[in-house]
Amino acid sequence: MVTSTIAPLDVPVRASPDEIVPPYVRRAMTGDAAAFRDVYAHHRRDVARLANRLLGPRGDLDDVIQEVFIQVFRSLPAFRGDSRFTTWLHRVTVNVVLMHLRAQRSRPQYAPEAPAETTPANDTASPLDNVARNERMKALYRILDSVSDKKRTVFILHDLEGVAAADISKMVGAPVLTVRTRLFYARKEVYAAMASEPALDAIARELSMGSINTECP
């Protein structure tokens, strides 16, 4: 009889300690300034992408990124390393973005801000296609701005970024069931509002197709 040496597919692969908390993060936790520069170098792009997606077409992305890393610098000594560093970093990013949006709404608006590009330009698309896409994304974020912060955040993380509900739970500090409930109601509000925006038909169809068989209450 031949005994198979293939490992069962359902055996979870455990991450190594260095994958959960990289060595440069451990050094930064002790106050090593050079190691903190490594944290910034390794994770700035990831933070920028997430913050940009959560903010939408606003011109203050750089300010938010700077604030995220200020908060990381202040809070890193208290990070216990009992979860992935990236999960903790994403939670800091989400909190900073939400505080920024709330502060922005509380300030008087004298003139519209110069919008930032919501998505990078597609090198294979024509300039007109890129302009049209950015206009559609601006329209989508106008709708998202009318949704509560908690539902808006979950919708963006899940339906636009593809983050699993379990991971969103860790990022927003809420039970998975709560995340799924927020997502369910966010989708109802967003898709209903999209019905009055003909330019968003393509995005609505794309998001609706991606939502089939996904986690909902």
Protein backbone atom coordinates (compact mmCIF):
# COMPACT_ATOMS: atom_id res chain seq x y z
CA MET A 1 0.00 0.00 0.00
CA VAL A 2 1.29 3.46 -0.97
CA THR A 3 0.94 6.15 1.68
CA SER A 4 0.33 9.63 0.33
CA THR A 5 2.68 12.33 1.52
CA ILE A 6 0.47 15.18 0.31
CA ALA A 7 -0.70 17.39 3.17
CA PRO A 8 -4.46 17.81 3.60
CA LEU A 9 -5.77 20.93 1.85
CA ASP A 10 -7.70 22.08 4.91
CA VAL A 11 -4.65 22.34 7.17
CA PRO A 12 -4.20 26.05 7.92
CA VAL A 13 -0.85 27.58 7.05
CA ARG A 14 0.48 29.41 10.07
CA ALA A 15 2.29 32.67 9.49
CA SER A 16 5.73 33.00 10.96
CA PRO A 17 6.35 35.59 13.70
CA ASP A 18 8.30 37.72 11.20
CA GLU A 19 5.33 37.70 8.83
CA ILE A 20 2.99 38.83 11.60
CA VAL A 21 5.35 41.50 12.94
CA PRO A 22 8.38 42.14 10.70
CA PRO A 23 11.76 42.66 12.42
CA TYR A 24 11.93 46.35 11.42
CA VAL A 25 8.56 46.89 13.15
CA ARG A 26 9.85 45.22 16.33
CA ARG A 27 12.87 47.52 16.26
CA ALA A 28 10.65 50.56 15.68
CA MET A 29 8.56 49.55 18.70
CA THR A 30 11.65 50.11 20.84
CA GLY A 31 12.11 53.65 19.52
CA ASP A 32 14.62 52.92 16.74
CA ALA A 33 14.25 55.93 14.40
CA ALA A 34 15.92 54.19 11.45
CA ALA A 35 13.53 51.26 11.80
CA PHE A 36 10.56 53.63 11.80
CA ARG A 37 11.80 55.03 8.49
CA ASP A 38 11.70 51.44 7.25
CA VAL A 39 8.10 51.16 8.45
CA TYR A 40 7.26 54.27 6.43
CA ALA A 41 9.13 53.08 3.34
CA HIS A 42 7.53 49.62 3.40
CA HIS A 43 3.96 50.69 4.10
CA ARG A 44 3.41 54.20 2.70
CA ARG A 45 2.05 52.92 -0.62
CA ASP A 46 -0.39 50.57 1.11
CA VAL A 47 -1.60 53.32 3.47
CA ALA A 48 -1.95 55.75 0.55
CA ARG A 49 -4.06 53.30 -1.44
CA LEU A 50 -6.40 52.56 1.45
CA ALA A 51 -6.70 56.20 2.51
CA ASN A 52 -7.33 57.31 -1.07
CA ARG A 53 -10.09 54.75 -1.48
CA LEU A 54 -11.73 55.74 1.82
CA LEU A 55 -11.43 59.49 1.18
CA GLY A 56 -12.62 59.55 -2.40
CA PRO A 57 -11.91 62.51 -4.69
CA ARG A 58 -10.48 64.98 -2.21
CA GLY A 59 -7.27 66.95 -2.41
CA ASP A 60 -5.95 66.22 1.11
CA LEU A 61 -4.55 62.70 0.74
CA ASP A 62 -0.98 63.69 1.66
CA ASP A 63 -2.16 65.33 4.90
CA VAL A 64 -4.02 62.16 5.88
CA ILE A 65 -1.04 59.92 5.10
CA GLN A 66 1.17 62.14 7.24
CA GLU A 67 -1.33 62.00 10.10
CA VAL A 68 -1.53 58.20 9.86
CA PHE A 69 2.21 57.83 10.34
CA ILE A 70 2.24 60.39 13.15
CA GLN A 71 -0.36 58.26 14.92
CA VAL A 72 1.62 55.10 14.15
CA PHE A 73 4.77 56.68 15.61
CA ARG A 74 2.91 57.68 18.78
CA SER A 75 1.05 54.40 19.22
CA LEU A 76 3.62 51.85 18.07
CA PRO A 77 5.20 51.34 21.51
CA ALA A 78 1.78 50.16 22.75
CA PHE A 79 1.32 47.69 19.86
CA ARG A 80 1.41 44.23 21.46
CA GLY A 81 2.07 42.25 18.30
CA ASP A 82 -0.83 39.87 18.95
CA SER A 83 -2.16 40.47 15.42
CA ARG A 84 -0.59 41.20 12.07
CA PHE A 85 1.07 44.60 11.97
CA THR A 86 -0.70 45.34 8.68
CA THR A 87 -4.09 44.71 10.30
CA TRP A 88 -3.24 47.14 13.10
CA LEU A 89 -1.90 49.68 10.56
CA HIS A 90 -5.08 49.45 8.50
CA ARG A 91 -7.15 50.05 11.62
CA VAL A 92 -5.10 53.17 12.40
CA THR A 93 -5.60 54.33 8.81
CA VAL A 94 -9.37 53.81 8.95
CA ASN A 95 -9.61 55.72 12.25
CA VAL A 96 -7.53 58.64 10.95
CA VAL A 97 -9.59 58.88 7.76
CA LEU A 98 -12.88 58.84 9.69
CA MET A 99 -11.65 61.55 12.08
CA HIS A 100 -10.49 63.60 9.09
CA LEU A 101 -13.86 63.30 7.33
CA ARG A 102 -15.76 64.29 10.48
CA ALA A 103 -13.49 67.29 11.06
CA GLN A 104 -13.86 68.31 7.43
CA ARG A 105 -17.64 68.26 7.65
CA SER A 106 -17.56 70.43 10.77
CA ARG A 107 -15.53 73.15 9.04
CA PRO A 108 -17.28 75.84 6.97
CA GLN A 109 -16.79 75.27 3.23
CA TYR A 110 -16.05 78.56 1.46
CA ALA A 111 -15.16 77.02 -1.89
CA PRO A 112 -15.02 73.50 -3.30
CA GLU A 113 -11.67 71.79 -2.84
CA ALA A 114 -9.67 70.75 -5.85
CA PRO A 115 -10.51 67.06 -6.17
CA ALA A 116 -7.81 64.44 -6.26
CA GLU A 117 -7.91 61.57 -8.75
CA THR A 118 -9.90 58.76 -7.21
CA THR A 119 -8.26 56.08 -9.33
CA PRO A 120 -4.94 56.00 -11.17
CA ALA A 121 -5.09 56.67 -14.87
CA ASN A 122 -5.23 53.61 -17.08
CA ASP A 123 -2.26 53.68 -19.46
CA THR A 124 -4.19 51.65 -22.06
CA ALA A 125 -7.29 53.86 -21.96
CA SER A 126 -7.73 57.11 -23.84
CA PRO A 127 -7.65 60.41 -21.94
CA LEU A 128 -11.40 60.74 -22.54
CA ASP A 129 -12.00 57.28 -21.04
CA ASN A 130 -9.97 58.22 -17.96
CA VAL A 131 -11.88 61.49 -17.58
CA ALA A 132 -15.19 59.65 -17.89
CA ARG A 133 -14.13 57.06 -15.30
CA ASN A 134 -13.06 59.75 -12.83
CA GLU A 135 -16.39 61.53 -13.31
CA ARG A 136 -18.22 58.27 -12.56
CA MET A 137 -16.14 57.73 -9.43
CA LYS A 138 -16.86 61.29 -8.25
CA ALA A 139 -20.57 60.59 -8.70
CA LEU A 140 -20.22 57.34 -6.75
CA TYR A 141 -18.47 59.10 -3.86
CA ARG A 142 -21.15 61.79 -3.76
CA ILE A 143 -23.55 58.94 -3.02
CA LEU A 144 -21.19 57.35 -0.51
CA ASP A 145 -20.86 60.69 1.30
CA SER A 146 -24.61 60.53 2.00
CA VAL A 147 -24.24 57.16 3.78
CA SER A 148 -23.26 56.96 7.45
CA ASP A 149 -19.52 56.67 8.10
CA LYS A 150 -19.78 53.15 9.48
CA LYS A 151 -21.74 51.78 6.53
CA ARG A 152 -19.69 53.79 4.02
CA THR A 153 -16.43 52.39 5.38
CA VAL A 154 -17.61 48.78 5.28
CA PHE A 155 -19.00 49.19 1.76
CA ILE A 156 -15.74 50.66 0.44
CA LEU A 157 -13.56 48.08 2.16
CA HIS A 158 -15.66 45.10 1.06
CA ASP A 159 -17.16 46.00 -2.32
CA LEU A 160 -14.44 48.32 -3.66
CA GLU A 161 -11.33 46.89 -2.00
CA GLY A 162 -12.38 43.25 -1.73
CA VAL A 163 -11.51 42.91 1.97
CA ALA A 164 -13.18 39.94 3.70
CA ALA A 165 -15.74 40.64 6.44
CA ALA A 166 -13.54 38.94 9.05
CA ASP A 167 -10.65 41.26 8.23
CA ILE A 168 -12.89 44.32 8.16
CA SER A 169 -14.08 43.30 11.63
CA LYS A 170 -10.52 43.66 12.92
CA MET A 171 -9.97 46.93 11.07
CA VAL A 172 -13.10 48.67 12.36
CA GLY A 173 -13.28 46.99 15.77
CA ALA A 174 -16.76 45.51 15.31
CA PRO A 175 -18.10 41.93 15.32
CA VAL A 176 -18.29 40.17 11.95
CA LEU A 177 -22.09 40.02 12.16
CA THR A 178 -22.19 43.79 12.65
CA VAL A 179 -19.93 44.26 9.62
CA ARG A 180 -22.22 42.10 7.48
CA THR A 181 -25.30 43.99 8.68
CA ARG A 182 -23.72 47.35 7.88
CA LEU A 183 -22.73 46.05 4.45
CA PHE A 184 -26.26 44.81 3.75
CA TYR A 185 -27.86 48.17 4.53
CA ALA A 186 -25.08 50.17 2.86
CA ARG A 187 -25.68 48.25 -0.38
CA LYS A 188 -29.41 48.96 -0.21
CA GLU A 189 -28.81 52.69 0.20
CA VAL A 190 -26.03 52.95 -2.38
CA TYR A 191 -27.77 50.95 -5.10
CA ALA A 192 -31.05 52.83 -4.57
CA ALA A 193 -29.22 56.14 -4.98
CA MET A 194 -27.41 54.84 -8.06
CA ALA A 195 -30.75 54.32 -9.77
CA SER A 196 -31.04 58.10 -10.16
CA GLU A 197 -27.53 58.41 -11.62
CA PRO A 198 -27.59 57.05 -15.21
CA ALA A 199 -23.81 57.50 -15.48
CA LEU A 200 -23.37 54.92 -12.72
CA ASP A 201 -25.23 52.08 -14.42
CA ALA A 202 -22.02 50.27 -15.39
CA ILE A 203 -20.51 50.58 -11.90
CA ALA A 204 -23.79 49.49 -10.28
CA ARG A 205 -23.95 46.37 -12.44
CA GLU A 206 -20.30 45.57 -11.73
CA LEU A 207 -20.73 45.97 -7.97
CA SER A 208 -24.01 44.04 -7.94
CA MET A 209 -22.42 41.11 -9.78
CA GLY A 210 -19.52 41.11 -7.35
CA SER A 211 -21.95 41.10 -4.44
CA ILE A 212 -23.68 37.87 -5.45
CA ASN A 213 -23.07 35.08 -2.92
CA THR A 214 -21.06 37.37 -0.64
CA GLU A 215 -21.51 37.64 3.11
CA CYS A 216 -24.78 39.21 4.20
CA PRO A 217 -27.01 38.68 7.24
